[in-house]
């Protein structure tokens, strides 16, 4: 006897089903555990996850971006180039903070000085050329 597929769920359950499938379940995504423990990079990644899933203004996205900000700022002020890059992106695109191109350029430039290549690409997208140049062998330029 052929099996009959179950009836489709009512339309009002579509968004709930979408979240059940696409949202990380507590304990299944290591970023949730890390974010709840205060890992600023995991908090940022969760903000990005929810922004991609539900839009940039989704409450979950904004919540995690804002939580990430303080920790990323502390790390950046302590010289962490990746944190500088992420802060620059947050300022450039208004992720959890108001858009601020000057702050974006400041943090992204500092990240490029620490050789964070991805920061260079964001600076260029903002219409800036990174000004920091690392000269590893000054003699290589002596004859030019």
Protein backbone atom coordinates (compact mmCIF):
# COMPACT_ATOMS: atom_id res chain seq x y z
CA UNK A 1 0.00 0.00 0.00
CA UNK A 2 1.54 3.42 -0.96
CA UNK A 3 2.23 5.85 1.83
CA UNK A 4 0.46 9.17 1.81
CA UNK A 5 2.60 12.20 2.69
CA UNK A 6 1.44 14.14 5.74
CA UNK A 7 -0.52 17.33 5.08
CA UNK A 8 1.47 20.54 4.79
CA UNK A 9 1.53 22.64 7.97
CA UNK A 10 -0.60 25.79 8.07
CA UNK A 11 1.09 28.92 6.67
CA UNK A 12 1.27 30.66 10.06
CA UNK A 13 3.74 28.02 11.22
CA UNK A 14 6.14 28.70 8.35
CA UNK A 15 8.24 31.27 10.22
CA UNK A 16 8.37 29.14 13.36
CA UNK A 17 9.51 26.16 11.31
CA UNK A 18 12.12 28.30 9.57
CA UNK A 19 13.63 29.32 12.93
CA UNK A 20 13.47 25.76 14.25
CA UNK A 21 15.50 24.54 11.28
CA UNK A 22 17.87 27.48 10.81
CA UNK A 23 18.41 28.79 14.34
CA UNK A 24 21.18 27.13 16.23
CA UNK A 25 19.71 25.11 19.08
CA UNK A 26 21.20 25.84 22.49
CA UNK A 27 24.15 23.55 22.95
CA UNK A 28 24.41 22.63 19.26
CA UNK A 29 26.29 25.75 18.16
CA UNK A 30 29.54 26.34 20.01
CA UNK A 31 29.20 30.08 19.37
CA UNK A 32 26.12 30.23 21.61
CA UNK A 33 28.00 28.73 24.55
CA UNK A 34 31.07 30.89 23.90
CA UNK A 35 28.97 34.03 23.42
CA UNK A 36 27.09 33.45 26.64
CA UNK A 37 30.46 33.06 28.39
CA UNK A 38 31.50 36.49 27.08
CA UNK A 39 33.57 35.65 23.96
CA UNK A 40 33.30 38.87 21.94
CA UNK A 41 34.15 37.21 18.62
CA UNK A 42 31.46 34.54 19.16
CA UNK A 43 28.98 37.29 20.06
CA UNK A 44 29.82 39.09 16.81
CA UNK A 45 29.43 35.86 14.80
CA UNK A 46 25.99 35.27 16.35
CA UNK A 47 25.01 38.83 15.48
CA UNK A 48 26.06 38.17 11.91
CA UNK A 49 24.24 34.83 11.86
CA UNK A 50 20.94 36.40 12.95
CA UNK A 51 21.43 39.36 10.58
CA UNK A 52 21.79 37.00 7.62
CA UNK A 53 18.82 34.95 8.76
CA UNK A 54 16.37 37.66 9.83
CA UNK A 55 17.76 40.97 8.58
CA UNK A 56 20.14 43.58 9.92
CA UNK A 57 17.61 45.04 12.36
CA UNK A 58 16.56 41.69 13.82
CA UNK A 59 16.46 41.97 17.62
CA UNK A 60 18.73 38.93 18.09
CA UNK A 61 21.27 40.36 15.66
CA UNK A 62 21.35 43.79 17.27
CA UNK A 63 21.52 42.20 20.74
CA UNK A 64 24.61 40.14 19.92
CA UNK A 65 26.36 42.93 18.01
CA UNK A 66 25.90 45.27 20.98
CA UNK A 67 27.12 42.65 23.44
CA UNK A 68 30.22 42.09 21.26
CA UNK A 69 31.14 45.76 21.09
CA UNK A 70 32.63 46.28 24.57
CA UNK A 71 34.74 43.14 24.47
CA UNK A 72 35.98 43.84 20.95
CA UNK A 73 36.86 47.40 21.90
CA UNK A 74 38.90 46.21 24.91
CA UNK A 75 40.72 43.68 22.73
CA UNK A 76 41.37 46.27 20.02
CA UNK A 77 42.70 48.78 22.53
CA UNK A 78 45.05 46.05 23.75
CA UNK A 79 46.41 45.65 20.21
CA UNK A 80 44.37 42.76 18.80
CA UNK A 81 44.33 43.30 15.03
CA UNK A 82 41.35 41.01 14.39
CA UNK A 83 39.29 42.93 16.95
CA UNK A 84 40.33 46.19 15.24
CA UNK A 85 39.12 44.77 11.93
CA UNK A 86 35.76 43.68 13.36
CA UNK A 87 35.24 47.05 15.08
CA UNK A 88 36.02 48.77 11.79
CA UNK A 89 33.41 46.64 10.03
CA UNK A 90 30.86 47.36 12.76
CA UNK A 91 31.40 51.11 12.39
CA UNK A 92 31.55 51.00 8.59
CA UNK A 93 28.21 49.24 8.23
CA UNK A 94 26.43 50.23 11.45
CA UNK A 95 26.33 46.78 13.01
CA UNK A 96 25.27 47.32 16.61
CA UNK A 97 26.69 50.86 16.59
CA UNK A 98 25.83 53.99 14.62
CA UNK A 99 27.65 54.18 11.28
CA UNK A 100 30.82 56.21 11.70
CA UNK A 101 33.21 56.25 8.74
CA UNK A 102 35.94 58.05 10.73
CA UNK A 103 35.92 55.38 13.45
CA UNK A 104 35.77 52.68 10.78
CA UNK A 105 38.84 54.11 9.03
CA UNK A 106 40.69 54.48 12.33
CA UNK A 107 40.21 50.85 13.38
CA UNK A 108 40.66 49.40 9.90
CA UNK A 109 43.88 51.35 9.35
CA UNK A 110 45.24 50.07 12.65
CA UNK A 111 44.24 46.52 11.65
CA UNK A 112 46.11 46.85 8.35
CA UNK A 113 49.17 47.97 10.29
CA UNK A 114 48.93 44.62 12.06
CA UNK A 115 48.72 42.89 8.67
CA UNK A 116 45.04 41.91 8.85
CA UNK A 117 44.47 41.56 5.10
CA UNK A 118 40.66 41.57 5.29
CA UNK A 119 40.77 45.07 6.83
CA UNK A 120 42.48 46.37 3.68
CA UNK A 121 39.56 45.21 1.54
CA UNK A 122 37.02 46.99 3.74
CA UNK A 123 39.10 50.20 3.67
CA UNK A 124 39.19 50.07 -0.12
CA UNK A 125 35.41 49.52 -0.21
CA UNK A 126 35.07 52.70 1.86
CA UNK A 127 36.99 54.57 -0.81
CA UNK A 128 40.25 54.66 1.10
CA UNK A 129 43.63 53.33 0.32
CA UNK A 130 45.40 52.06 3.38
CA UNK A 131 48.18 54.49 4.24
CA UNK A 132 50.29 52.15 6.29
CA UNK A 133 53.09 50.45 4.39
CA UNK A 134 55.28 47.93 6.08
CA UNK A 135 58.82 48.03 4.72
CA UNK A 136 60.57 44.81 5.58
CA UNK A 137 63.81 45.56 3.74
CA UNK A 138 64.59 49.28 3.46
CA UNK A 139 67.58 48.50 1.21
CA UNK A 140 65.21 47.13 -1.42
CA UNK A 141 64.01 50.70 -2.06
CA UNK A 142 67.43 52.38 -1.87
CA UNK A 143 68.15 52.07 -5.58
CA UNK A 144 64.80 53.52 -6.69
